[in-house]
Structure formats: structure tokens, C-alpha cells
Amino acid sequence: MWPYRLNSAQPRRLNHISIYTARGTSRDQSRLLYMNADALSVWREMGMRVTIIGESHRPPRSAMLSFGMPFSE
């Protein structure tokens, strides 16, 4: 996501992105638990497939910030 934002001349938008994950079953895996609306729109702009399983206003307490800025209201 970082290279895409830089190449699209919108680096300021990175200040609004929050992506939280949890550890996967192996060292090479992670589970995506939360993307805010800005992160989700960038994901779609990149042409990535999106399957929303559920929605939540905030990331779970067990999730770790993986990319972007920490969640705040």
C-alpha cells in the first residue's frame, strides 16, 4: 500500500489509514482484523479484491497496528 500511495501523489492520505492485524498460524501469515474506511477505499483503488465478513466501529483489543496511524475517535 505504501508504494501505491507514493506513486499516486497522495502521501498525505497515509495519515488517515489504520490497518490492524493479528498473528496467523505461521510466521508468514497474518490475519487482517480491521481496516478503516480510508484504508478500505485505497485497497479498492489498488484493484484488490474485497470480501467484508463483518463490520466494526473500532479494531479489536487483541489486534496490533500493522500500517498507518493508530485508531482514534
Protein backbone atom coordinates (compact mmCIF):
# COMPACT_ATOMS: atom_id res chain seq x y z
CA MET A 1 0.00 0.00 0.00
CA TRP A 2 2.88 2.39 0.80
CA PRO A 3 4.40 2.35 -2.73
CA TYR A 4 0.95 2.78 -4.29
CA ARG A 5 0.22 5.87 -2.21
CA LEU A 6 3.57 7.43 -3.00
CA ASN A 7 3.25 6.76 -6.73
CA SER A 8 -0.28 8.17 -6.83
CA ALA A 9 0.90 11.52 -5.40
CA GLN A 10 -1.35 11.26 -2.34
CA PRO A 11 1.06 10.62 0.54
CA ARG A 12 -0.95 12.79 2.97
CA ARG A 13 -3.75 10.29 2.81
CA LEU A 14 -1.48 7.86 4.67
CA ASN A 15 -2.12 9.87 7.84
CA HIS A 16 -5.74 8.67 7.80
CA ILE A 17 -5.18 4.95 7.23
CA SER A 18 -5.44 2.35 10.01
CA ILE A 19 -4.87 -1.36 9.41
CA TYR A 20 -4.84 -3.83 12.31
CA THR A 21 -3.86 -7.48 12.17
CA ALA A 22 -3.28 -10.49 14.42
CA ARG A 23 -0.75 -13.29 14.13
CA GLY A 24 -1.54 -16.08 11.71
CA THR A 25 -0.90 -19.77 12.09
CA SER A 26 2.66 -19.47 10.72
CA ARG A 27 5.46 -16.93 10.63
CA ASP A 28 4.50 -15.84 7.10
CA GLN A 29 0.80 -15.28 7.81
CA SER A 30 -1.26 -12.62 9.47
CA ARG A 31 -4.99 -12.16 9.87
CA LEU A 32 -6.45 -8.85 8.77
CA LEU A 33 -8.85 -7.80 11.50
CA TYR A 34 -9.64 -4.14 10.85
CA MET A 35 -9.33 -1.54 8.08
CA ASN A 36 -10.87 1.88 8.47
CA ALA A 37 -12.87 3.42 5.61
CA ASP A 38 -9.85 5.26 4.16
CA ALA A 39 -7.73 2.10 4.12
CA LEU A 40 -10.54 0.14 2.51
CA SER A 41 -11.01 2.74 -0.24
CA VAL A 42 -7.27 2.70 -1.01
CA TRP A 43 -7.36 -1.10 -1.10
CA ARG A 44 -10.15 -0.96 -3.69
CA GLU A 45 -8.28 1.72 -5.71
CA MET A 46 -5.36 -0.66 -5.90
CA GLY A 47 -7.65 -3.19 -7.58
CA MET A 48 -7.51 -5.63 -4.69
CA ARG A 49 -10.41 -7.99 -4.06
CA VAL A 50 -12.55 -7.16 -1.02
CA THR A 51 -14.70 -9.57 0.96
CA ILE A 52 -16.21 -7.95 4.01
CA ILE A 53 -17.16 -10.53 6.62
CA GLY A 54 -18.37 -8.14 9.29
CA GLU A 55 -18.15 -4.52 10.32
CA SER A 56 -16.93 -2.90 13.49
CA HIS A 57 -16.51 0.70 14.52
CA ARG A 58 -13.12 0.06 16.13
CA PRO A 59 -10.37 -2.58 16.00
CA PRO A 60 -10.47 -5.48 18.46
CA ARG A 61 -8.35 -5.11 21.60
CA SER A 62 -6.25 -8.12 20.59
CA ALA A 63 -5.29 -6.56 17.22
CA MET A 64 -1.94 -4.87 16.57
CA LEU A 65 -1.43 -1.81 14.38
CA SER A 66 0.30 -3.05 11.23
CA PHE A 67 0.16 0.00 8.97
CA GLY A 68 -0.86 3.64 9.26
CA MET A 69 -1.92 5.72 12.20
CA PRO A 70 -3.44 4.43 15.45
CA PHE A 71 -7.23 4.37 15.68
CA SER A 72 -8.77 7.41 17.34
CA GLU A 73 -12.28 8.77 17.51
